[in-house]
Each structure stands twice: as C-alpha cells, then as structure tokens.
N, C-alpha and C. Protein backbone atom coordinates (compact mmCIF):
# COMPACT_ATOMS: atom_id res chain seq x y z
N MET A 1 -7.02 -13.24 -26.55
CA MET A 1 -8.08 -13.75 -25.72
C MET A 1 -8.33 -15.21 -26.09
N VAL A 2 -8.27 -16.09 -25.12
CA VAL A 2 -8.59 -17.49 -25.30
C VAL A 2 -10.09 -17.65 -25.09
N ILE A 3 -10.76 -18.33 -26.03
CA ILE A 3 -12.20 -18.49 -25.88
C ILE A 3 -12.55 -19.97 -25.87
N SER A 4 -13.66 -20.28 -25.21
CA SER A 4 -14.13 -21.65 -25.11
C SER A 4 -14.67 -22.11 -26.47
N SER A 5 -14.82 -23.41 -26.62
CA SER A 5 -15.38 -23.94 -27.87
C SER A 5 -16.83 -23.47 -28.04
N HIS A 6 -17.55 -23.33 -26.93
CA HIS A 6 -18.93 -22.83 -26.98
C HIS A 6 -18.97 -21.41 -27.55
N LEU A 7 -18.11 -20.54 -27.04
CA LEU A 7 -18.08 -19.16 -27.53
C LEU A 7 -17.59 -19.11 -28.97
N ALA A 8 -16.64 -19.96 -29.32
CA ALA A 8 -16.16 -20.00 -30.71
C ALA A 8 -17.30 -20.36 -31.66
N ARG A 9 -18.17 -21.30 -31.26
CA ARG A 9 -19.33 -21.66 -32.09
C ARG A 9 -20.29 -20.48 -32.22
N LEU A 10 -20.54 -19.77 -31.12
CA LEU A 10 -21.41 -18.60 -31.17
C LEU A 10 -20.83 -17.53 -32.10
N ARG A 11 -19.53 -17.28 -31.95
CA ARG A 11 -18.88 -16.27 -32.79
C ARG A 11 -18.94 -16.65 -34.27
N ALA A 12 -18.88 -17.94 -34.57
CA ALA A 12 -18.98 -18.37 -35.96
C ALA A 12 -20.34 -18.02 -36.55
N MET A 13 -21.36 -17.98 -35.68
CA MET A 13 -22.72 -17.66 -36.15
C MET A 13 -22.98 -16.16 -36.18
N ILE A 14 -22.47 -15.42 -35.19
CA ILE A 14 -22.85 -14.00 -35.07
C ILE A 14 -21.73 -13.03 -35.41
N GLY A 15 -20.55 -13.55 -35.67
CA GLY A 15 -19.42 -12.68 -35.99
C GLY A 15 -19.00 -11.85 -34.80
N HIS A 16 -18.73 -10.57 -35.03
CA HIS A 16 -18.21 -9.68 -33.98
C HIS A 16 -19.30 -8.95 -33.21
N GLU A 17 -20.58 -9.27 -33.47
CA GLU A 17 -21.69 -8.58 -32.80
C GLU A 17 -21.55 -8.63 -31.28
N LEU A 18 -22.14 -7.65 -30.63
CA LEU A 18 -22.13 -7.57 -29.17
C LEU A 18 -22.85 -8.77 -28.58
N ILE A 19 -22.20 -9.45 -27.64
CA ILE A 19 -22.79 -10.59 -26.96
C ILE A 19 -22.62 -10.38 -25.46
N GLN A 20 -23.64 -10.75 -24.70
CA GLN A 20 -23.56 -10.64 -23.24
C GLN A 20 -23.07 -11.96 -22.68
N LEU A 21 -22.05 -11.89 -21.81
CA LEU A 21 -21.45 -13.10 -21.25
C LEU A 21 -21.34 -13.02 -19.74
N PRO A 22 -21.62 -14.14 -19.06
CA PRO A 22 -21.36 -14.19 -17.62
C PRO A 22 -19.86 -14.34 -17.40
N SER A 23 -19.36 -13.64 -16.41
CA SER A 23 -17.93 -13.70 -16.12
C SER A 23 -17.69 -13.54 -14.63
N VAL A 24 -16.43 -13.70 -14.25
CA VAL A 24 -16.02 -13.46 -12.87
C VAL A 24 -14.82 -12.53 -12.87
N SER A 25 -14.72 -11.77 -11.81
CA SER A 25 -13.55 -10.94 -11.53
C SER A 25 -13.17 -11.25 -10.10
N VAL A 26 -11.87 -11.40 -9.85
CA VAL A 26 -11.44 -11.80 -8.52
C VAL A 26 -10.45 -10.79 -7.96
N ILE A 27 -10.83 -10.18 -6.86
CA ILE A 27 -9.93 -9.28 -6.15
C ILE A 27 -9.15 -10.15 -5.18
N VAL A 28 -7.91 -10.43 -5.56
CA VAL A 28 -7.03 -11.27 -4.74
C VAL A 28 -6.26 -10.34 -3.82
N VAL A 29 -6.32 -10.62 -2.52
CA VAL A 29 -5.67 -9.78 -1.52
C VAL A 29 -4.65 -10.63 -0.76
N ASP A 30 -3.43 -10.10 -0.62
CA ASP A 30 -2.40 -10.85 0.11
C ASP A 30 -2.42 -10.50 1.59
N ASP A 31 -1.50 -11.08 2.34
CA ASP A 31 -1.47 -10.87 3.80
C ASP A 31 -1.02 -9.47 4.19
N ARG A 32 -0.60 -8.65 3.22
CA ARG A 32 -0.23 -7.26 3.48
C ARG A 32 -1.29 -6.29 2.96
N ALA A 33 -2.49 -6.83 2.65
CA ALA A 33 -3.64 -6.04 2.17
C ALA A 33 -3.41 -5.42 0.80
N ARG A 34 -2.50 -6.00 0.02
CA ARG A 34 -2.28 -5.53 -1.35
C ARG A 34 -3.19 -6.30 -2.30
N LEU A 35 -3.58 -5.65 -3.39
CA LEU A 35 -4.44 -6.26 -4.40
C LEU A 35 -3.60 -6.69 -5.60
N LEU A 36 -3.92 -7.87 -6.10
CA LEU A 36 -3.25 -8.39 -7.29
C LEU A 36 -3.92 -7.84 -8.53
N LEU A 37 -3.14 -7.22 -9.39
CA LEU A 37 -3.63 -6.75 -10.69
C LEU A 37 -2.80 -7.40 -11.78
N VAL A 38 -3.35 -7.45 -12.98
CA VAL A 38 -2.68 -8.10 -14.10
C VAL A 38 -2.69 -7.18 -15.32
N ARG A 39 -1.74 -7.44 -16.20
CA ARG A 39 -1.74 -6.79 -17.52
C ARG A 39 -2.07 -7.87 -18.54
N HIS A 40 -3.04 -7.58 -19.41
CA HIS A 40 -3.41 -8.54 -20.44
C HIS A 40 -2.39 -8.53 -21.57
N ALA A 41 -2.02 -9.72 -22.02
CA ALA A 41 -1.08 -9.85 -23.13
C ALA A 41 -1.66 -9.19 -24.37
N GLY A 42 -0.86 -8.41 -25.05
CA GLY A 42 -1.31 -7.77 -26.27
C GLY A 42 -2.13 -6.51 -26.07
N HIS A 43 -2.43 -6.14 -24.83
CA HIS A 43 -3.20 -4.93 -24.55
C HIS A 43 -2.31 -3.99 -23.75
N ARG A 44 -2.45 -2.73 -23.99
CA ARG A 44 -1.72 -1.74 -23.21
C ARG A 44 -2.69 -0.71 -22.67
N ASP A 45 -3.85 -1.21 -22.20
CA ASP A 45 -4.87 -0.30 -21.71
C ASP A 45 -4.89 -0.22 -20.19
N GLY A 46 -3.81 -0.61 -19.54
CA GLY A 46 -3.72 -0.47 -18.10
C GLY A 46 -3.87 -1.78 -17.36
N TRP A 47 -3.73 -1.68 -16.06
CA TRP A 47 -3.84 -2.83 -15.18
C TRP A 47 -5.30 -3.25 -15.06
N ALA A 48 -5.50 -4.55 -14.82
CA ALA A 48 -6.85 -5.12 -14.75
C ALA A 48 -6.99 -6.03 -13.54
N VAL A 49 -8.21 -6.26 -13.15
CA VAL A 49 -8.53 -7.25 -12.13
C VAL A 49 -8.60 -8.60 -12.85
N PRO A 50 -7.94 -9.63 -12.33
CA PRO A 50 -7.97 -10.93 -13.03
C PRO A 50 -9.36 -11.54 -13.02
N GLY A 51 -9.63 -12.35 -14.03
CA GLY A 51 -10.91 -13.04 -14.14
C GLY A 51 -11.14 -13.51 -15.55
N GLY A 52 -12.38 -13.91 -15.82
CA GLY A 52 -12.71 -14.39 -17.15
C GLY A 52 -14.11 -14.94 -17.21
N ALA A 53 -14.41 -15.58 -18.33
CA ALA A 53 -15.75 -16.09 -18.59
C ALA A 53 -16.05 -17.32 -17.75
N VAL A 54 -17.33 -17.49 -17.45
CA VAL A 54 -17.82 -18.69 -16.78
C VAL A 54 -18.12 -19.71 -17.87
N ASP A 55 -17.53 -20.89 -17.76
CA ASP A 55 -17.75 -21.94 -18.75
C ASP A 55 -19.10 -22.63 -18.52
N ILE A 56 -19.62 -23.24 -19.56
CA ILE A 56 -20.87 -24.01 -19.47
C ILE A 56 -20.68 -25.10 -18.42
N GLY A 57 -21.66 -25.24 -17.52
CA GLY A 57 -21.62 -26.27 -16.49
C GLY A 57 -20.78 -25.92 -15.27
N GLU A 58 -20.25 -24.71 -15.24
CA GLU A 58 -19.37 -24.27 -14.17
C GLU A 58 -20.09 -23.21 -13.34
N SER A 59 -19.92 -23.26 -12.02
CA SER A 59 -20.49 -22.20 -11.19
C SER A 59 -19.56 -20.99 -11.25
N PRO A 60 -20.07 -19.79 -10.96
CA PRO A 60 -19.18 -18.63 -10.93
C PRO A 60 -18.03 -18.80 -9.93
N ALA A 61 -18.30 -19.37 -8.75
CA ALA A 61 -17.22 -19.57 -7.77
C ALA A 61 -16.15 -20.52 -8.31
N GLN A 62 -16.56 -21.58 -9.01
CA GLN A 62 -15.59 -22.49 -9.62
C GLN A 62 -14.78 -21.76 -10.69
N ALA A 63 -15.45 -20.91 -11.47
CA ALA A 63 -14.75 -20.14 -12.50
C ALA A 63 -13.72 -19.21 -11.88
N ALA A 64 -14.06 -18.61 -10.74
CA ALA A 64 -13.11 -17.70 -10.06
C ALA A 64 -11.85 -18.45 -9.66
N VAL A 65 -11.99 -19.62 -9.07
CA VAL A 65 -10.84 -20.42 -8.66
C VAL A 65 -10.02 -20.84 -9.88
N ARG A 66 -10.69 -21.32 -10.93
CA ARG A 66 -10.01 -21.77 -12.15
C ARG A 66 -9.27 -20.64 -12.84
N GLU A 67 -9.94 -19.50 -13.01
CA GLU A 67 -9.32 -18.38 -13.72
C GLU A 67 -8.05 -17.90 -13.01
N ILE A 68 -8.09 -17.79 -11.70
CA ILE A 68 -6.90 -17.33 -10.98
C ILE A 68 -5.77 -18.34 -11.12
N ARG A 69 -6.09 -19.62 -10.99
CA ARG A 69 -5.05 -20.66 -11.14
C ARG A 69 -4.45 -20.62 -12.55
N GLU A 70 -5.31 -20.55 -13.58
CA GLU A 70 -4.82 -20.56 -14.96
C GLU A 70 -4.02 -19.32 -15.31
N GLU A 71 -4.49 -18.16 -14.90
CA GLU A 71 -3.87 -16.90 -15.32
C GLU A 71 -2.66 -16.51 -14.50
N THR A 72 -2.65 -16.87 -13.20
CA THR A 72 -1.60 -16.35 -12.32
C THR A 72 -0.75 -17.40 -11.63
N GLY A 73 -1.19 -18.64 -11.61
CA GLY A 73 -0.47 -19.69 -10.89
C GLY A 73 -0.84 -19.80 -9.42
N PHE A 74 -1.64 -18.87 -8.91
CA PHE A 74 -2.05 -18.90 -7.51
C PHE A 74 -3.24 -19.83 -7.29
N GLN A 75 -3.27 -20.44 -6.12
CA GLN A 75 -4.47 -21.11 -5.62
C GLN A 75 -5.05 -20.14 -4.61
N ILE A 76 -6.36 -19.95 -4.69
CA ILE A 76 -7.00 -19.02 -3.76
C ILE A 76 -7.85 -19.78 -2.76
N GLY A 77 -8.08 -19.12 -1.62
CA GLY A 77 -9.01 -19.66 -0.64
C GLY A 77 -10.43 -19.51 -1.17
N ARG A 78 -11.37 -19.88 -0.35
CA ARG A 78 -12.78 -19.80 -0.76
C ARG A 78 -13.14 -18.37 -1.16
N PRO A 79 -13.58 -18.18 -2.41
CA PRO A 79 -13.94 -16.83 -2.84
C PRO A 79 -15.24 -16.35 -2.20
N ARG A 80 -15.25 -15.09 -1.81
CA ARG A 80 -16.43 -14.46 -1.19
C ARG A 80 -17.04 -13.48 -2.19
N LEU A 81 -18.33 -13.68 -2.49
CA LEU A 81 -19.02 -12.83 -3.46
C LEU A 81 -19.20 -11.43 -2.89
N LEU A 82 -18.74 -10.43 -3.66
CA LEU A 82 -18.89 -9.03 -3.25
C LEU A 82 -20.04 -8.33 -3.96
N ASP A 83 -20.20 -8.60 -5.26
CA ASP A 83 -21.18 -7.87 -6.05
C ASP A 83 -21.33 -8.55 -7.41
N VAL A 84 -22.36 -8.18 -8.14
CA VAL A 84 -22.54 -8.58 -9.53
C VAL A 84 -22.74 -7.29 -10.30
N LEU A 85 -21.88 -7.07 -11.31
CA LEU A 85 -21.85 -5.79 -12.01
C LEU A 85 -22.02 -5.97 -13.51
N GLY A 86 -22.55 -4.96 -14.15
CA GLY A 86 -22.69 -4.94 -15.59
C GLY A 86 -22.98 -3.51 -16.04
N GLY A 87 -23.13 -3.34 -17.32
CA GLY A 87 -23.40 -2.02 -17.87
C GLY A 87 -22.29 -1.55 -18.80
N ALA A 88 -22.37 -0.32 -19.21
CA ALA A 88 -21.45 0.22 -20.22
C ALA A 88 -19.98 0.11 -19.83
N ASP A 89 -19.66 0.28 -18.56
CA ASP A 89 -18.25 0.20 -18.15
C ASP A 89 -17.66 -1.20 -18.29
N TYR A 90 -18.51 -2.19 -18.48
CA TYR A 90 -18.06 -3.58 -18.56
C TYR A 90 -18.18 -4.14 -19.96
N GLU A 91 -18.33 -3.25 -20.93
CA GLU A 91 -18.31 -3.65 -22.34
C GLU A 91 -16.88 -3.54 -22.86
N VAL A 92 -16.48 -4.54 -23.63
CA VAL A 92 -15.11 -4.61 -24.14
C VAL A 92 -15.16 -4.90 -25.63
N THR A 93 -14.32 -4.22 -26.39
CA THR A 93 -14.11 -4.55 -27.79
C THR A 93 -12.67 -5.03 -27.91
N TYR A 94 -12.51 -6.27 -28.35
CA TYR A 94 -11.19 -6.87 -28.48
C TYR A 94 -10.54 -6.47 -29.79
N ALA A 95 -9.23 -6.66 -29.88
CA ALA A 95 -8.46 -6.27 -31.06
C ALA A 95 -9.00 -6.92 -32.34
N ASN A 96 -9.56 -8.11 -32.23
CA ASN A 96 -10.08 -8.80 -33.42
C ASN A 96 -11.48 -8.30 -33.81
N GLY A 97 -12.04 -7.35 -33.01
CA GLY A 97 -13.34 -6.79 -33.31
C GLY A 97 -14.49 -7.39 -32.52
N ASP A 98 -14.26 -8.49 -31.81
CA ASP A 98 -15.31 -9.10 -30.99
C ASP A 98 -15.74 -8.12 -29.91
N ARG A 99 -17.07 -7.99 -29.75
CA ARG A 99 -17.63 -7.09 -28.74
C ARG A 99 -18.35 -7.92 -27.68
N VAL A 100 -18.06 -7.63 -26.40
CA VAL A 100 -18.64 -8.38 -25.29
C VAL A 100 -19.14 -7.42 -24.23
N ALA A 101 -20.36 -7.68 -23.75
CA ALA A 101 -20.91 -6.99 -22.59
C ALA A 101 -20.88 -8.00 -21.45
N TYR A 102 -19.95 -7.80 -20.53
CA TYR A 102 -19.80 -8.74 -19.43
C TYR A 102 -20.75 -8.41 -18.28
N VAL A 103 -21.32 -9.43 -17.69
CA VAL A 103 -21.99 -9.34 -16.41
C VAL A 103 -21.07 -10.14 -15.49
N THR A 104 -20.40 -9.45 -14.58
CA THR A 104 -19.34 -10.09 -13.81
C THR A 104 -19.70 -10.24 -12.34
N ALA A 105 -19.54 -11.46 -11.86
CA ALA A 105 -19.66 -11.74 -10.43
C ALA A 105 -18.29 -11.43 -9.83
N VAL A 106 -18.26 -10.48 -8.90
CA VAL A 106 -16.99 -10.04 -8.33
C VAL A 106 -16.77 -10.75 -6.99
N TYR A 107 -15.64 -11.42 -6.89
CA TYR A 107 -15.27 -12.14 -5.68
C TYR A 107 -14.02 -11.51 -5.07
N GLN A 108 -13.84 -11.79 -3.79
CA GLN A 108 -12.59 -11.46 -3.12
C GLN A 108 -12.07 -12.74 -2.48
N ALA A 109 -10.76 -12.93 -2.54
CA ALA A 109 -10.16 -14.14 -1.98
C ALA A 109 -8.72 -13.87 -1.58
N GLY A 110 -8.24 -14.67 -0.65
CA GLY A 110 -6.84 -14.65 -0.26
C GLY A 110 -6.09 -15.75 -0.98
N ILE A 111 -4.79 -15.75 -0.82
CA ILE A 111 -3.94 -16.75 -1.47
C ILE A 111 -3.80 -17.96 -0.56
N ALA A 112 -3.97 -19.14 -1.15
CA ALA A 112 -3.83 -20.38 -0.39
C ALA A 112 -2.59 -21.16 -0.80
N GLY A 113 -1.93 -20.75 -1.88
CA GLY A 113 -0.72 -21.44 -2.33
C GLY A 113 -0.42 -21.11 -3.78
N GLY A 114 0.56 -21.83 -4.31
CA GLY A 114 0.93 -21.66 -5.70
C GLY A 114 2.11 -20.73 -5.88
N THR A 115 2.61 -20.71 -7.09
CA THR A 115 3.74 -19.87 -7.47
C THR A 115 3.25 -18.85 -8.48
N PRO A 116 3.46 -17.55 -8.20
CA PRO A 116 2.96 -16.52 -9.12
C PRO A 116 3.72 -16.49 -10.45
N VAL A 117 3.01 -16.87 -11.50
CA VAL A 117 3.58 -16.85 -12.84
C VAL A 117 2.47 -16.48 -13.81
N PRO A 118 2.60 -15.35 -14.51
CA PRO A 118 1.58 -15.03 -15.51
C PRO A 118 1.57 -16.09 -16.60
N ASP A 119 0.42 -16.45 -17.10
CA ASP A 119 0.32 -17.53 -18.08
C ASP A 119 0.93 -17.17 -19.44
N ARG A 120 1.22 -15.93 -19.68
CA ARG A 120 1.84 -15.40 -20.92
C ARG A 120 0.95 -15.54 -22.14
N GLU A 121 -0.15 -16.29 -22.03
CA GLU A 121 -1.09 -16.39 -23.14
C GLU A 121 -2.13 -15.28 -23.04
N GLU A 122 -2.70 -15.14 -21.85
CA GLU A 122 -3.67 -14.07 -21.60
C GLU A 122 -3.07 -12.96 -20.76
N ILE A 123 -2.18 -13.31 -19.85
CA ILE A 123 -1.62 -12.36 -18.89
C ILE A 123 -0.11 -12.24 -19.09
N SER A 124 0.36 -11.00 -19.24
CA SER A 124 1.79 -10.78 -19.45
C SER A 124 2.53 -10.35 -18.19
N GLU A 125 1.80 -9.83 -17.21
CA GLU A 125 2.47 -9.29 -16.02
C GLU A 125 1.52 -9.31 -14.83
N LEU A 126 2.09 -9.56 -13.64
CA LEU A 126 1.36 -9.51 -12.38
C LEU A 126 1.94 -8.40 -11.53
N GLY A 127 1.10 -7.74 -10.74
CA GLY A 127 1.60 -6.69 -9.86
C GLY A 127 0.74 -6.57 -8.61
N TRP A 128 1.38 -6.21 -7.51
CA TRP A 128 0.68 -6.01 -6.24
C TRP A 128 0.59 -4.52 -5.95
N PHE A 129 -0.58 -4.06 -5.53
CA PHE A 129 -0.82 -2.64 -5.30
C PHE A 129 -1.54 -2.44 -3.97
N THR A 130 -1.07 -1.48 -3.21
CA THR A 130 -1.76 -1.13 -1.97
C THR A 130 -2.97 -0.27 -2.33
N PRO A 131 -3.97 -0.21 -1.47
CA PRO A 131 -5.12 0.66 -1.73
C PRO A 131 -4.71 2.11 -1.97
N ARG A 132 -3.67 2.57 -1.29
CA ARG A 132 -3.20 3.96 -1.48
C ARG A 132 -2.61 4.19 -2.86
N GLU A 133 -2.04 3.15 -3.46
CA GLU A 133 -1.43 3.27 -4.79
C GLU A 133 -2.45 3.27 -5.92
N LEU A 134 -3.62 2.71 -5.67
CA LEU A 134 -4.61 2.53 -6.74
C LEU A 134 -5.02 3.82 -7.45
N PRO A 135 -5.28 4.93 -6.75
CA PRO A 135 -5.70 6.14 -7.48
C PRO A 135 -4.69 6.61 -8.52
N GLY A 136 -3.40 6.40 -8.29
CA GLY A 136 -2.38 6.83 -9.24
C GLY A 136 -1.95 5.76 -10.22
N THR A 137 -2.59 4.61 -10.18
CA THR A 137 -2.23 3.49 -11.05
C THR A 137 -3.03 3.55 -12.34
N GLU A 138 -2.37 3.24 -13.45
CA GLU A 138 -3.04 3.20 -14.74
C GLU A 138 -3.92 1.95 -14.80
N LEU A 139 -5.20 2.12 -14.58
CA LEU A 139 -6.17 1.03 -14.59
C LEU A 139 -6.99 1.08 -15.87
N ASN A 140 -7.38 -0.07 -16.40
CA ASN A 140 -8.28 -0.02 -17.54
C ASN A 140 -9.68 0.37 -17.05
N ARG A 141 -10.55 0.75 -17.98
CA ARG A 141 -11.88 1.26 -17.63
C ARG A 141 -12.67 0.24 -16.81
N PHE A 142 -12.62 -1.02 -17.20
CA PHE A 142 -13.33 -2.11 -16.53
C PHE A 142 -12.86 -2.20 -15.07
N ALA A 143 -11.56 -2.25 -14.85
CA ALA A 143 -11.00 -2.37 -13.49
C ALA A 143 -11.32 -1.15 -12.65
N ARG A 144 -11.21 0.03 -13.23
CA ARG A 144 -11.50 1.25 -12.48
C ARG A 144 -12.96 1.25 -12.00
N ALA A 145 -13.89 0.90 -12.89
CA ALA A 145 -15.31 0.85 -12.52
C ALA A 145 -15.56 -0.22 -11.45
N LEU A 146 -14.95 -1.37 -11.61
CA LEU A 146 -15.14 -2.48 -10.67
C LEU A 146 -14.59 -2.14 -9.29
N LEU A 147 -13.39 -1.59 -9.24
CA LEU A 147 -12.78 -1.25 -7.95
C LEU A 147 -13.54 -0.12 -7.26
N ARG A 148 -14.08 0.80 -8.03
CA ARG A 148 -14.93 1.86 -7.43
C ARG A 148 -16.21 1.25 -6.88
N ALA A 149 -16.85 0.40 -7.66
CA ALA A 149 -18.14 -0.18 -7.25
C ALA A 149 -18.01 -1.04 -5.99
N THR A 150 -16.86 -1.66 -5.81
CA THR A 150 -16.66 -2.53 -4.64
C THR A 150 -16.02 -1.82 -3.47
N GLY A 151 -15.76 -0.52 -3.60
CA GLY A 151 -15.20 0.27 -2.50
C GLY A 151 -13.70 0.15 -2.32
N HIS A 152 -13.00 -0.44 -3.30
CA HIS A 152 -11.55 -0.58 -3.21
C HIS A 152 -10.81 0.65 -3.78
N LEU A 153 -11.53 1.50 -4.47
CA LEU A 153 -10.97 2.70 -5.08
C LEU A 153 -11.92 3.85 -4.79
N ALA A 154 -11.39 4.90 -4.21
CA ALA A 154 -12.23 6.08 -3.91
C ALA A 154 -12.71 6.70 -5.22
N THR A 155 -13.93 7.22 -5.16
CA THR A 155 -14.51 7.83 -6.38
C THR A 155 -14.06 9.26 -6.56
C-alpha cells in the first residue's frame, strides 16, 4: 500500500491503530457494460473495485480520476457519484498491521482513453467482468459489500 506523506506522519504518531479515512471507489464500465476489477499487489483476497484515499486538498471526484489513472492507466470520463459508504464491511487490516475504516465515495465512470496497464505497485492485475459473472467471481469483502450496496451485485 502506497501512503501519502500526511498519512505516514499520522501513522508515525498512532502506529497501527484504527483510523478513519476518506476514500473513493470507482466502478469503471466499458462500452460492453463490463465492470473493471483489480487485484491488489501482495494480496490474494479476491478482486476489488479500484480506488484509494482522498489526498489533502483534493476533491473526491479529483481523487477518483487520479486513482484510476495511477492504478490502471485509464482516463475516465466525468465520474458520477452513486453513494457514500462506510461501516464494518469497509474496514481493512493491511499486512503491516495498519487498520483503516474507510468512508468511500463511490463513483461510476466510463473510459475516455488511456492504455490499460496495472501499476504493479498497488495493482497486479486488471479484469473485466459482466454483471452476470459477478456472483461467481472471487471478490474481496469490501468489493462485495460495495457492489451489493450500489445494485451491481444481487444480494
């Protein structure tokens, strides 16, 4: 997990304690109505919805555009806010012991350009999935809860 200098300073003070962070998740949909999912480097807990933390001075919509560009190589069209989610399903404990409770602004966007390439630092693999494939796909807990909450995955 790549962290901002701001978060690194906080972690230096509080260690691995649970911290609540604003974040974005972006449901990227292609022209064939498939959803882009990613696998996080170093994690084998299933496919995830791409996204990440909102940096200081950045709007959530700006963070959505930046995160997709950095992690996948895609440029997205204007992101449309779907929901803001939080709670137990959005808590993550990282391999280094850091605990985060994310409050995530969920956006949906189409592709406007770019070449799909996982950044290999945070993301190891990209995949496209139809809505019909999602129930049988190995999703991480965060992605499963998010896709259910936004109506992309039947409950």
